[in-house]
Amino acid sequence: MAAGRRTVAADDAPIAAAIRRTRAGMALERALRAFWPLATLAAAAWAALAFGLAEVAPRRLLLAVTIVVGLCALVLLVRGLRRFRWPRRAEAAARLDAGLPGRPLAALADRPALGRDDAGAQAVWAAHIARMRRIAARAEWVRPDLRLARFDGWGLRLIALVALGAALLFARADPIAGLGAAIASAGGGAPAAGPAFEAWAEPPGYTGRPTLYLPDAPSEPPLVVPQGTQITVRVYGEAGDFSLTQSVTDSDAPLAEAAPGIAAARFVVGHSGGIALSGSGDALGSWSFVMQPDNPPEIDLAEPVTRAPTGETELAYVARDDYGVVSAQAEITVDLAATDRLYGLAAEPQAREPLTVDLPLSMSRGSAEEVAETLVEDFSKHPWSGLPVTIRLTAEDALGQVGARDGIAAVLPGRRFYNPIAAALVEQRRDLLWTTENARRVAQVLRALTWRPEGMFRNEKAYLATRIAIRRLDAAVGQPDNAARVEEVAEMLWKVALLLEEGSLGDAAERLARAQERLREALRNDASDEEIAQLMDELRQATRDYMQQLAEEALRDGERQRAEGQPPGQTMTRNQIQELMDRIQELSEQGRRAEAEALLEMLQQLLENMEMQLAEGGQGGEGGEGQQSMQDLGDALREQQGLADDSFEELQRQFREGRGGQQGQGRGSEGQGGEGSSNQALAERQKALRELMEELQRGLPGEAGDAARDALRRAERDMGEAEGALRDGDAADALNEQAEAIDNLRDGMRQMARDMRQAEAGSQNGEPGAEGEASADGRNDPLGRPLGPDGSTGTNQQMVPEANAGTRARGLLDEIRRRSGDQSRPQLELDYLRRLLDRF
């Protein structure tokens, strides 16, 4: 135990600083707890005065409130002074020490009670003091507890604080002066500074314009205010002492008593004019106004009404207004004059309310004057879907003014049905909803559709539902009130059409067939690019499922094939199938729908051959000679393409050196160096390739027809002409001939592949060599192309005809166009580039 106490050493600066800050915090804490009631009362009184309590309260009441608030403030001040006690340094040190482990500050003030003459005890005590000093050196000041919730259970301080904040932001700046003026004017019987007034010009809230405080506004120039601005004039005194004249509204707006000693007038600006205020014969203020009229909104289509790929109507509109559009609508009515009144539409339609839809508005008002949005709505089930309609657009502003755009002619878009039976059912549903008089005719057409359902209704549920619809329609015919039953039949026909169009197919092969058929119909009907893209996604998904099903069957049959010594049946990769589908979509986007449909047929054949080969175990015929010829021709095609690329690079080099393509024979005499040696080397390669073509033509199989042989002969002739042009130094002409050779060679390969498939199909009678079968050595795929050693399609042979060649050709053409537009190039080069563009 300690025998004595001492204070912390004066040189312990960090500890002393922590004690001083803790002491200051304790002082703030005690002051806040002692004087918060006084501060709350002062804040509430200040806010009340700032918001005009002195102007609206009677003098006696104002004096009474002032006295009561003053007495309360005095009591709270005395109470606070009695409760407040300045913290001592020892109290601050004790609070700081209480938050430290081992209370080091108290330990530093202790003295040992025993062992003062014992060196060991002194050493232990010194170690203890050193440890306490290290702990005390890390001491941080204790922050004060400023929470008052336990002292203010009603939250009065928070109410007063909110009121004070609002007063500082929105109320008058000197409420004490207003209090003194109110007491002095009331006691003297007349205002010491003469009559006072206030006036505001408050525009409508939807305009977003600020309120104008007229005493601070100049008399000239005129103030521009929006239509509907409300003028408020308030005077302090008797109403008879003031005179107000105005010419901004046609109605009278006299000053009227609003409260004892206060008169006010309110009126709305209806046109340009002015106001003047005078009191006791003295002019107090005058202002002139120019009214800015609020024009009605305008609305129109931003672009023609279009149909989304999934059948929704896309209506893009733009609306404009001075201060913003608050609502917009589209009213759609059928255009009977433009409707082709045939078949079920020949009868007079039943009365139907216009189709009214609310147009979307922008969620963020970044530009209040203009709204540009797009309505996306599905009207496929409406009876007017697919018929000419008239659209009326309306927009309303905050003032209630309406702007309209009438007479917009369009065809109401709807969902497309590619299944012919589904499309027929939708058409009969439309006729039924057109008028109930068509019920008997619709029933007859439905009977015709279901007379022999074989080959027409792939789904039994759809057929049965259609028959039920016929019976219900027969029951509704002739009844006076059959609208409900007709609507029920129409809904049933819609569901049947969806069932036929989409189906509930669980088999991958059926889903694939359905996706191919939908895409084929879309290509034939010139569908939009967005719709083609959606159908291509559907085809890709169905193809992935189908390939997965084939892979699972191949896994199940793999052991059997290996046991029988048969080659694997999977001959194409998913990347190659994906490449073919990408090419189909690319051709459709370019408008080459016929070629895209042809590639779609090729895809269908590829998948069918894969299934056939899987089922037959991969057994093949004896097409080895033909397959070898096809592979050799493919190698020659790739070599010719590479040679054409090198020729094009040589032509570019010549242009960079300032030489044109018109030098002709002069280049042949340049010797063996530089440019001449490059042309001669290309000519030698072209010669070797031409000789190879001669050998390949002599070794063509017997299945090759005349068309294939003629195309290959033309390719050989083009190669010879390209060789001669290269020897003459004319790289431009050689490049043209090489392009012709590539086209003829590719055409010959296509013709030869077609001849081989026809020959194999004609010989299929249980014999080897049928289409879709692999050769006995497992070296061909379902289309007769050679396989790699692992059973996959050769990596160098293209699955898609002309896919890479077309891409390369487009790239070359784009490069030619870019260079022809560069006027800094030599004129000779520009002339040649223009001739190339004229030719291709």
Foldseek 3Di string as FASTA:
>chain_A
DFPFFDADDPPLVLLVVLLVVQLVQVQVQLLCQLQVVLVLLVLQVVLCLQAPVLPFDDLVVLVVVVVVSVVVNVVSVVRSVVRRDRDDSVVSLVVQLVPFPPSLRRLLGGHDPDDPVPPVVVVVSVVVNVVSSVRSSPGHHDHHDNDCCVVCVPCSSVVSVVSSVCSVVPGDDDSVVSNVQSNVCVVVVHRPVHKDKWKWWAADPLQVDDIDTVVPDDQPDAAEGEFFTKMKMKIFADQVQKDKDWDQDPDDWGWDDPHVRMTMTMDGGPAWIKMWMDGNPGTDDIHTYGYDYWDWKAKDFPDAWDAFLQWWIKTKMKMFTNRAFDWKKKWKDADVVQWPCDDLNVDQFDDDGTDMDTDDFDPDPPDRGMTIDIDTGAPQLPLQAQGKMWMKMWTAHPVGHIYIDGGDIDRHIGGDFLQVVLVVLSVLLSSCNRHVVCLVVSLVVLCVCLVPCVPRDPDPVLSVLSVVLSVLSVVLPPDPPRPVSSVVSSVSSNVSSCCRRCNPDDDLVVQLVSLLSVLLSCLVVLHDLSNNVVSLVSNLVSVVRLVVVLVVLQVVCVVVLVVVVFARLDAEDSVQLVLLSVVLSVCVVVVNSVVSNVSSVVSVLQSVLSVVQSVVSQEFAPCPLQQVLLVLLLVLLVLLVVLLVLLVVLQVVCQVVVHFLPPFQVLLPPPCDDSLVSLLVSLVSLVVSLVVLVVSLVSHDPLQDPLLSVLSVLLSVLSVVLSVCSSSSRSVVSSVSSVSSSVSSLRSSVSSLVSLQVVQCVPPDVHGSHQSHAYNVLQAGNSGHGGDPNNYGDPSDRPDPCPVVVVVVVVVLVVLVVVLPPPVGDPSSNVVSVVVVVVD
